[in-house]
Amino acid sequence: MACWLFKTEPDTFSIDDLARANTLWEGVRNYQARNFLRDEVKEEDEVFIYHSSCSRVGIAGLARVVRAGVPDPFAFDPDSPYFDPKSDPAKPRWYAVELTFERRLPLLPLAALKANPALANMPLVKKGNRLSVMPVTDAERQAILGMTGV
């Protein structure tokens, strides 16, 4: 089982939205993040949900992958903001995963994550390397959970 960090804007989709119902994590339109979703994120993997572009930026909760490597159906829907006319259902360009809510965490602000030396190499805290989907090492996972007191 691996661990990941998925970024979201809470006014679009938050940990509270995920708590209400499983969701297809779609709309990722970055090739490196897409490759993670397509090739590396697996069922049962753990996911930290990170709220970005808001007043309270930080890790807000935990989710679990219940279905992995699904072609993103919104890429084929001309009415979707995630539509990609170059994406072909026979050879999908974009992928998604289905998540289920695990639990809320006390919000861990980015500043606190940056201040933890155990997270110094985490892509999230490195300037200029903030993908919407990124791997979390086991040591980073333990450090984050330790910060929450859970």
C-alpha atoms as a PDB file:
ATOM      1  CA  MET A   1       0.000   0.000   0.000  1.00  0.00           C
ATOM      2  CA  ALA A   2       1.304   3.414  -0.979  1.00  0.00           C
ATOM      3  CA  CYS A   3       0.394   6.868   0.265  1.00  0.00           C
ATOM      4  CA  TRP A   4      -0.398   9.969  -1.780  1.00  0.00           C
ATOM      5  CA  LEU A   5      -1.299  13.615  -1.374  1.00  0.00           C
ATOM      6  CA  PHE A   6      -4.107  14.979  -3.573  1.00  0.00           C
ATOM      7  CA  LYS A   7      -4.642  18.727  -3.748  1.00  0.00           C
ATOM      8  CA  THR A   8      -8.052  20.282  -4.120  1.00  0.00           C
ATOM      9  CA  GLU A   9      -9.631  23.684  -3.809  1.00  0.00           C
ATOM     10  CA  PRO A  10     -12.226  23.310  -1.051  1.00  0.00           C
ATOM     11  CA  ASP A  11     -14.685  25.697  -2.706  1.00  0.00           C
ATOM     12  CA  THR A  12     -14.749  23.201  -5.605  1.00  0.00           C
ATOM     13  CA  PHE A  13     -14.406  19.964  -3.619  1.00  0.00           C
ATOM     14  CA  SER A  14     -13.472  19.614   0.048  1.00  0.00           C
ATOM     15  CA  ILE A  15     -12.911  16.880   2.614  1.00  0.00           C
ATOM     16  CA  ASP A  16     -16.479  17.592   3.763  1.00  0.00           C
ATOM     17  CA  ASP A  17     -17.773  16.866   0.250  1.00  0.00           C
ATOM     18  CA  LEU A  18     -15.850  13.590   0.231  1.00  0.00           C
ATOM     19  CA  ALA A  19     -17.316  12.685   3.644  1.00  0.00           C
ATOM     20  CA  ARG A  20     -20.805  12.830   2.099  1.00  0.00           C
ATOM     21  CA  ALA A  21     -20.105  10.376  -0.748  1.00  0.00           C
ATOM     22  CA  ASN A  22     -17.372   8.522  -2.615  1.00  0.00           C
ATOM     23  CA  THR A  23     -16.069  10.507  -5.516  1.00  0.00           C
ATOM     24  CA  LEU A  24     -14.297  10.009  -8.784  1.00  0.00           C
ATOM     25  CA  TRP A  25     -11.150  12.137  -8.517  1.00  0.00           C
ATOM     26  CA  GLU A  26     -11.280  13.550 -12.027  1.00  0.00           C
ATOM     27  CA  GLY A  27     -10.222  16.616 -13.913  1.00  0.00           C
ATOM     28  CA  VAL A  28      -6.469  16.195 -13.410  1.00  0.00           C
ATOM     29  CA  ARG A  29      -4.846  17.749 -16.478  1.00  0.00           C
ATOM     30  CA  ASN A  30      -1.135  17.547 -15.753  1.00  0.00           C
ATOM     31  CA  TYR A  31       0.769  14.711 -17.429  1.00  0.00           C
ATOM     32  CA  GLN A  32       2.989  13.803 -14.469  1.00  0.00           C
ATOM     33  CA  ALA A  33      -0.015  13.709 -12.105  1.00  0.00           C
ATOM     34  CA  ARG A  34      -1.955  11.771 -14.771  1.00  0.00           C
ATOM     35  CA  ASN A  35       0.843   9.202 -14.926  1.00  0.00           C
ATOM     36  CA  PHE A  36       0.597   8.677 -11.171  1.00  0.00           C
ATOM     37  CA  LEU A  37      -3.184   8.187 -11.452  1.00  0.00           C
ATOM     38  CA  ARG A  38      -2.870   5.872 -14.441  1.00  0.00           C
ATOM     39  CA  ASP A  39       0.165   3.811 -13.479  1.00  0.00           C
ATOM     40  CA  GLU A  40       0.948   4.007  -9.775  1.00  0.00           C
ATOM     41  CA  VAL A  41      -2.075   4.819  -7.598  1.00  0.00           C
ATOM     42  CA  LYS A  42      -3.678   1.493  -6.612  1.00  0.00           C
ATOM     43  CA  GLU A  43      -6.764   0.289  -4.775  1.00  0.00           C
ATOM     44  CA  GLU A  44      -6.352   0.494  -0.991  1.00  0.00           C
ATOM     45  CA  ASP A  45      -3.724   3.255  -1.228  1.00  0.00           C
ATOM     46  CA  GLU A  46      -4.073   5.970   1.384  1.00  0.00           C
ATOM     47  CA  VAL A  47      -4.539   9.613   0.339  1.00  0.00           C
ATOM     48  CA  PHE A  48      -4.006  12.830   2.282  1.00  0.00           C
ATOM     49  CA  ILE A  49      -6.510  15.448   1.099  1.00  0.00           C
ATOM     50  CA  TYR A  50      -4.848  18.849   0.900  1.00  0.00           C
ATOM     51  CA  HIS A  51      -6.872  22.069   0.646  1.00  0.00           C
ATOM     52  CA  SER A  52      -5.184  24.699  -1.528  1.00  0.00           C
ATOM     53  CA  SER A  53      -6.006  28.153  -2.906  1.00  0.00           C
ATOM     54  CA  CYS A  54      -8.044  29.063   0.168  1.00  0.00           C
ATOM     55  CA  SER A  55      -7.681  30.920   3.462  1.00  0.00           C
ATOM     56  CA  ARG A  56      -6.866  27.714   5.434  1.00  0.00           C
ATOM     57  CA  VAL A  57      -4.343  25.858   3.248  1.00  0.00           C
ATOM     58  CA  GLY A  58      -3.208  22.467   4.507  1.00  0.00           C
ATOM     59  CA  ILE A  59      -3.864  18.764   4.951  1.00  0.00           C
ATOM     60  CA  ALA A  60      -7.501  18.349   5.978  1.00  0.00           C
ATOM     61  CA  GLY A  61      -8.137  14.618   6.007  1.00  0.00           C
ATOM     62  CA  LEU A  62      -7.561  11.086   4.828  1.00  0.00           C
ATOM     63  CA  ALA A  63      -9.165   9.080   2.037  1.00  0.00           C
ATOM     64  CA  ARG A  64      -8.661   5.651   0.530  1.00  0.00           C
ATOM     65  CA  VAL A  65      -8.582   4.592  -3.133  1.00  0.00           C
ATOM     66  CA  VAL A  66     -11.425   2.176  -3.889  1.00  0.00           C
ATOM     67  CA  ARG A  67     -11.035   2.055  -7.677  1.00  0.00           C
ATOM     68  CA  ALA A  68      -7.900   2.906  -9.636  1.00  0.00           C
ATOM     69  CA  GLY A  69      -6.831   3.631 -13.197  1.00  0.00           C
ATOM     70  CA  VAL A  70     -10.238   4.635 -14.570  1.00  0.00           C
ATOM     71  CA  PRO A  71     -10.361   6.662 -17.796  1.00  0.00           C
ATOM     72  CA  ASP A  72     -11.648  10.120 -16.857  1.00  0.00           C
ATOM     73  CA  PRO A  73     -15.175  10.198 -18.338  1.00  0.00           C
ATOM     74  CA  PHE A  74     -15.257  14.002 -18.254  1.00  0.00           C
ATOM     75  CA  ALA A  75     -12.523  14.115 -20.894  1.00  0.00           C
ATOM     76  CA  PHE A  76     -15.107  12.766 -23.381  1.00  0.00           C
ATOM     77  CA  ASP A  77     -18.003  15.019 -22.341  1.00  0.00           C
ATOM     78  CA  PRO A  78     -18.197  18.184 -24.466  1.00  0.00           C
ATOM     79  CA  ASP A  79     -20.307  19.858 -21.768  1.00  0.00           C
ATOM     80  CA  SER A  80     -17.629  19.336 -19.092  1.00  0.00           C
ATOM     81  CA  PRO A  81     -14.957  21.923 -18.269  1.00  0.00           C
ATOM     82  CA  TYR A  82     -12.540  18.945 -18.336  1.00  0.00           C
ATOM     83  CA  PHE A  83     -13.430  17.993 -21.919  1.00  0.00           C
ATOM     84  CA  ASP A  84     -10.452  17.192 -24.137  1.00  0.00           C
ATOM     85  CA  PRO A  85     -11.345  16.820 -27.819  1.00  0.00           C
ATOM     86  CA  LYS A  86      -8.059  14.968 -28.402  1.00  0.00           C
ATOM     87  CA  SER A  87      -8.876  12.288 -25.827  1.00  0.00           C
ATOM     88  CA  ASP A  88     -10.187   9.088 -27.415  1.00  0.00           C
ATOM     89  CA  PRO A  89     -12.192   6.500 -25.416  1.00  0.00           C
ATOM     90  CA  ALA A  90     -10.231   3.764 -27.231  1.00  0.00           C
ATOM     91  CA  LYS A  91      -6.966   5.335 -26.071  1.00  0.00           C
ATOM     92  CA  PRO A  92      -7.735   7.619 -23.105  1.00  0.00           C
ATOM     93  CA  ARG A  93      -5.429  10.516 -22.376  1.00  0.00           C
ATOM     94  CA  TRP A  94      -6.693  11.307 -18.848  1.00  0.00           C
ATOM     95  CA  TYR A  95      -7.339   9.083 -15.837  1.00  0.00           C
ATOM     96  CA  ALA A  96      -9.128   9.240 -12.513  1.00  0.00           C
ATOM     97  CA  VAL A  97      -9.442   7.201  -9.321  1.00  0.00           C
ATOM     98  CA  GLU A  98     -12.398   6.709  -6.993  1.00  0.00           C
ATOM     99  CA  LEU A  99     -11.905   7.750  -3.378  1.00  0.00           C
ATOM    100  CA  THR A 100     -13.757   7.037  -0.181  1.00  0.00           C
ATOM    101  CA  PHE A 101     -13.606   9.161   2.943  1.00  0.00           C
ATOM    102  CA  GLU A 102     -11.569   7.814   5.866  1.00  0.00           C
ATOM    103  CA  ARG A 103     -11.461  10.678   8.390  1.00  0.00           C
ATOM    104  CA  ARG A 104     -10.927  14.369   8.939  1.00  0.00           C
ATOM    105  CA  LEU A 105      -7.640  15.440  10.481  1.00  0.00           C
ATOM    106  CA  PRO A 106      -6.847  18.555  12.472  1.00  0.00           C
ATOM    107  CA  LEU A 107      -5.803  20.956   9.698  1.00  0.00           C
ATOM    108  CA  LEU A 108      -2.048  20.832   9.143  1.00  0.00           C
ATOM    109  CA  PRO A 109      -1.099  24.169   7.577  1.00  0.00           C
ATOM    110  CA  LEU A 110       1.573  24.341   4.898  1.00  0.00           C
ATOM    111  CA  ALA A 111       3.733  26.465   7.214  1.00  0.00           C
ATOM    112  CA  ALA A 112       3.737  23.678   9.832  1.00  0.00           C
ATOM    113  CA  LEU A 113       4.576  21.079   7.182  1.00  0.00           C
ATOM    114  CA  LYS A 114       7.463  23.244   5.941  1.00  0.00           C
ATOM    115  CA  ALA A 115       8.746  23.647   9.513  1.00  0.00           C
ATOM    116  CA  ASN A 116       8.996  19.885  10.066  1.00  0.00           C
ATOM    117  CA  PRO A 117      12.540  18.716   9.135  1.00  0.00           C
ATOM    118  CA  ALA A 118      11.198  15.198   8.461  1.00  0.00           C
ATOM    119  CA  LEU A 119       9.258  16.658   5.510  1.00  0.00           C
ATOM    120  CA  ALA A 120      12.114  18.697   3.986  1.00  0.00           C
ATOM    121  CA  ASN A 121      12.263  16.499   0.858  1.00  0.00           C
ATOM    122  CA  MET A 122       8.514  16.207   0.387  1.00  0.00           C
ATOM    123  CA  PRO A 123       7.489  17.625  -3.015  1.00  0.00           C
ATOM    124  CA  LEU A 124       4.708  19.664  -1.374  1.00  0.00           C
ATOM    125  CA  VAL A 125       7.136  21.730   0.692  1.00  0.00           C
ATOM    126  CA  LYS A 126       9.702  22.180  -2.067  1.00  0.00           C
ATOM    127  CA  LYS A 127       9.184  25.434  -3.921  1.00  0.00           C
ATOM    128  CA  GLY A 128       7.933  25.007  -7.478  1.00  0.00           C
ATOM    129  CA  ASN A 129       7.045  21.322  -7.128  1.00  0.00           C
ATOM    130  CA  ARG A 130       3.386  21.269  -6.175  1.00  0.00           C
ATOM    131  CA  LEU A 131       1.543  18.779  -8.344  1.00  0.00           C
ATOM    132  CA  SER A 132      -2.109  18.000  -7.707  1.00  0.00           C
ATOM    133  CA  VAL A 133      -1.153  14.329  -7.136  1.00  0.00           C
ATOM    134  CA  MET A 134       2.131  13.453  -5.449  1.00  0.00           C
ATOM    135  CA  PRO A 135       3.614  10.469  -3.639  1.00  0.00           C
ATOM    136  CA  VAL A 136       4.179  10.471   0.112  1.00  0.00           C
ATOM    137  CA  THR A 137       6.925   8.255   1.540  1.00  0.00           C
ATOM    138  CA  ASP A 138       6.265   6.094   4.574  1.00  0.00           C
ATOM    139  CA  ALA A 139       8.543   8.311   6.691  1.00  0.00           C
ATOM    140  CA  GLU A 140       6.646  11.418   5.528  1.00  0.00           C
ATOM    141  CA  ARG A 141       3.327   9.681   6.250  1.00  0.00           C
ATOM    142  CA  GLN A 142       4.453   8.863   9.775  1.00  0.00           C
ATOM    143  CA  ALA A 143       5.677  12.435  10.334  1.00  0.00           C
ATOM    144  CA  ILE A 144       2.376  13.900   9.118  1.00  0.00           C
ATOM    145  CA  LEU A 145       0.280  11.558  11.246  1.00  0.00           C
ATOM    146  CA  GLY A 146       2.526  12.338  14.211  1.00  0.00           C
ATOM    147  CA  MET A 147       1.832  16.044  13.734  1.00  0.00           C
ATOM    148  CA  THR A 148      -1.920  15.422  13.908  1.00  0.00           C
ATOM    149  CA  GLY A 149      -1.683  13.556  17.214  1.00  0.00           C
ATOM    150  CA  VAL A 150      -3.748  10.728  15.716  1.00  0.00           C
END
